[in-house]
Amino acid sequence: EKNTADGAGGPPSGGSHNNNNEGVRLHGASEACCFDESDVISLLVRGNACRTVSSTKMNTDSSRSHAIFILKIEQKDNITGISKVSQLQMIDMAGSELGGKG
């Protein structure tokens, strides 16, 4: 697992920066290598435990923070050397239980 922020020379807390080689990086975000589904579930549980939750009129356990989970799957054919990459992006926006109401 590695922290994607640059440390002392990185962006301010809560910010993001654009790295020409890797795209937009969020300060404080991390990435980890997973080998099976239990690794992925463990990361989801750990990330969810870090979220801020508060009660609202619509939801007693409403998230007060956004969450972004990106699952990148890489597959390489060892005979041909051809690689395939797929990416799934899951985003939970804080307060989104109000979406579509009104």
C-alpha atoms as a PDB file:
ATOM      1  CA  GLU A   1       0.000   0.000   0.000  1.00  0.00           C
ATOM      2  CA  LYS A   2       1.228   3.474  -0.719  1.00  0.00           C
ATOM      3  CA  ASN A   3       0.086   6.992  -0.044  1.00  0.00           C
ATOM      4  CA  THR A   4      -0.323   8.826  -3.339  1.00  0.00           C
ATOM      5  CA  ALA A   5       0.441  12.278  -1.947  1.00  0.00           C
ATOM      6  CA  ASP A   6       3.938  13.633  -2.424  1.00  0.00           C
ATOM      7  CA  GLY A   7       4.541  14.386   1.271  1.00  0.00           C
ATOM      8  CA  ALA A   8       6.358  17.647   2.041  1.00  0.00           C
ATOM      9  CA  GLY A   9       6.137  18.884  -1.539  1.00  0.00           C
ATOM     10  CA  GLY A  10       2.568  17.684  -2.092  1.00  0.00           C
ATOM     11  CA  PRO A  11      -0.685  19.609  -2.287  1.00  0.00           C
ATOM     12  CA  PRO A  12      -2.334  21.231   0.740  1.00  0.00           C
ATOM     13  CA  SER A  13      -4.513  19.096   3.015  1.00  0.00           C
ATOM     14  CA  GLY A  14      -7.796  18.110   1.373  1.00  0.00           C
ATOM     15  CA  GLY A  15      -6.622  19.226  -2.068  1.00  0.00           C
ATOM     16  CA  SER A  16      -5.685  17.534  -5.268  1.00  0.00           C
ATOM     17  CA  HIS A  17      -3.030  17.980  -7.895  1.00  0.00           C
ATOM     18  CA  ASN A  18      -2.500  16.932 -11.478  1.00  0.00           C
ATOM     19  CA  ASN A  19       0.475  14.684 -12.146  1.00  0.00           C
ATOM     20  CA  ASN A  20       1.119  14.500 -15.898  1.00  0.00           C
ATOM     21  CA  ASN A  21       2.112  10.835 -15.638  1.00  0.00           C
ATOM     22  CA  GLU A  22      -0.689   9.587 -13.367  1.00  0.00           C
ATOM     23  CA  GLY A  23      -3.554  12.083 -13.756  1.00  0.00           C
ATOM     24  CA  VAL A  24      -5.354  13.766 -10.855  1.00  0.00           C
ATOM     25  CA  ARG A  25      -4.252  12.592  -7.414  1.00  0.00           C
ATOM     26  CA  LEU A  26      -6.151  13.330  -4.191  1.00  0.00           C
ATOM     27  CA  HIS A  27      -4.150  14.348  -1.148  1.00  0.00           C
ATOM     28  CA  GLY A  28      -4.448  11.678   1.530  1.00  0.00           C
ATOM     29  CA  ALA A  29      -5.712   9.014  -0.878  1.00  0.00           C
ATOM     30  CA  SER A  30      -4.013   5.643  -0.890  1.00  0.00           C
ATOM     31  CA  GLU A  31      -3.820   2.636  -3.135  1.00  0.00           C
ATOM     32  CA  ALA A  32      -3.212  -1.018  -2.400  1.00  0.00           C
ATOM     33  CA  CYS A  33      -2.528  -4.146  -4.389  1.00  0.00           C
ATOM     34  CA  CYS A  34      -5.208  -6.816  -3.913  1.00  0.00           C
ATOM     35  CA  PHE A  35      -4.846 -10.467  -4.780  1.00  0.00           C
ATOM     36  CA  ASP A  36      -8.381 -11.725  -4.169  1.00  0.00           C
ATOM     37  CA  GLU A  37     -11.901 -10.587  -3.318  1.00  0.00           C
ATOM     38  CA  SER A  38     -11.279 -10.707   0.444  1.00  0.00           C
ATOM     39  CA  ASP A  39      -8.528  -8.080   0.018  1.00  0.00           C
ATOM     40  CA  VAL A  40     -10.990  -5.821  -1.834  1.00  0.00           C
ATOM     41  CA  ILE A  41     -13.710  -6.284   0.808  1.00  0.00           C
ATOM     42  CA  SER A  42     -11.205  -5.505   3.578  1.00  0.00           C
ATOM     43  CA  LEU A  43     -10.282  -2.225   1.873  1.00  0.00           C
ATOM     44  CA  LEU A  44     -13.947  -1.260   1.437  1.00  0.00           C
ATOM     45  CA  VAL A  45     -14.640  -1.968   5.123  1.00  0.00           C
ATOM     46  CA  ARG A  46     -11.545  -0.045   6.234  1.00  0.00           C
ATOM     47  CA  GLY A  47     -12.394   2.945   4.033  1.00  0.00           C
ATOM     48  CA  ASN A  48     -16.019   2.991   5.145  1.00  0.00           C
ATOM     49  CA  ALA A  49     -14.899   3.028   8.808  1.00  0.00           C
ATOM     50  CA  CYS A  50     -13.014   6.287   8.127  1.00  0.00           C
ATOM     51  CA  ARG A  51     -16.095   8.127   6.853  1.00  0.00           C
ATOM     52  CA  THR A  52     -17.951  10.770   8.837  1.00  0.00           C
ATOM     53  CA  VAL A  53     -21.582   9.862   9.597  1.00  0.00           C
ATOM     54  CA  SER A  54     -24.327  12.028  11.094  1.00  0.00           C
ATOM     55  CA  SER A  55     -28.096  11.867  11.506  1.00  0.00           C
ATOM     56  CA  THR A  56     -30.411  13.783   9.166  1.00  0.00           C
ATOM     57  CA  LYS A  57     -34.208  13.963   8.835  1.00  0.00           C
ATOM     58  CA  MET A  58     -34.044  11.547   5.885  1.00  0.00           C
ATOM     59  CA  ASN A  59     -31.407   9.106   7.160  1.00  0.00           C
ATOM     60  CA  THR A  60     -30.180   8.289  10.684  1.00  0.00           C
ATOM     61  CA  ASP A  61     -26.786   7.119   9.379  1.00  0.00           C
ATOM     62  CA  SER A  62     -26.209   9.643   6.591  1.00  0.00           C
ATOM     63  CA  SER A  63     -22.681   9.965   5.293  1.00  0.00           C
ATOM     64  CA  ARG A  64     -21.209  13.435   5.694  1.00  0.00           C
ATOM     65  CA  SER A  65     -18.182  12.660   3.533  1.00  0.00           C
ATOM     66  CA  HIS A  66     -17.635  11.629  -0.066  1.00  0.00           C
ATOM     67  CA  ALA A  67     -16.055   8.290  -0.932  1.00  0.00           C
ATOM     68  CA  ILE A  68     -14.271   7.245  -4.097  1.00  0.00           C
ATOM     69  CA  PHE A  69     -13.282   3.622  -4.674  1.00  0.00           C
ATOM     70  CA  ILE A  70     -11.527   2.720  -7.902  1.00  0.00           C
ATOM     71  CA  LEU A  71     -10.990  -0.938  -8.726  1.00  0.00           C
ATOM     72  CA  LYS A  72      -8.422  -1.494 -11.469  1.00  0.00           C
ATOM     73  CA  ILE A  73      -8.039  -5.040 -12.782  1.00  0.00           C
ATOM     74  CA  GLU A  74      -4.984  -5.973 -14.807  1.00  0.00           C
ATOM     75  CA  GLN A  75      -4.605  -9.225 -16.705  1.00  0.00           C
ATOM     76  CA  LYS A  76      -1.528 -10.314 -18.627  1.00  0.00           C
ATOM     77  CA  ASP A  77      -1.220 -13.256 -20.983  1.00  0.00           C
ATOM     78  CA  ASN A  78       2.164 -14.747 -20.102  1.00  0.00           C
ATOM     79  CA  ILE A  79       2.506 -16.375 -23.529  1.00  0.00           C
ATOM     80  CA  THR A  80       1.673 -13.411 -25.778  1.00  0.00           C
ATOM     81  CA  GLY A  81       2.628 -10.663 -23.333  1.00  0.00           C
ATOM     82  CA  ILE A  82      -0.632  -8.856 -24.115  1.00  0.00           C
ATOM     83  CA  SER A  83      -2.129  -6.992 -21.172  1.00  0.00           C
ATOM     84  CA  LYS A  84      -5.742  -5.994 -20.570  1.00  0.00           C
ATOM     85  CA  VAL A  85      -6.834  -3.389 -18.033  1.00  0.00           C
ATOM     86  CA  SER A  86     -10.349  -2.645 -16.768  1.00  0.00           C
ATOM     87  CA  GLN A  87     -11.386  -0.019 -14.263  1.00  0.00           C
ATOM     88  CA  LEU A  88     -14.531   0.331 -12.141  1.00  0.00           C
ATOM     89  CA  GLN A  89     -15.140   3.638 -10.360  1.00  0.00           C
ATOM     90  CA  MET A  90     -17.598   3.775  -7.446  1.00  0.00           C
ATOM     91  CA  ILE A  91     -18.425   7.180  -5.982  1.00  0.00           C
ATOM     92  CA  ASP A  92     -20.676   7.910  -2.990  1.00  0.00           C
ATOM     93  CA  MET A  93     -21.503  11.591  -2.618  1.00  0.00           C
ATOM     94  CA  ALA A  94     -22.288  12.869   0.875  1.00  0.00           C
ATOM     95  CA  GLY A  95     -25.932  13.843   1.289  1.00  0.00           C
ATOM     96  CA  SER A  96     -26.938  12.212  -1.999  1.00  0.00           C
ATOM     97  CA  GLU A  97     -30.021  10.641  -0.377  1.00  0.00           C
ATOM     98  CA  LEU A  98     -31.776  13.879  -1.392  1.00  0.00           C
ATOM     99  CA  GLY A  99     -31.126  13.228  -5.083  1.00  0.00           C
ATOM    100  CA  GLY A 100     -34.371  13.009  -7.034  1.00  0.00           C
ATOM    101  CA  LYS A 101     -36.442  14.501  -4.185  1.00  0.00           C
ATOM    102  CA  GLY A 102     -38.305  17.708  -4.686  1.00  0.00           C
END
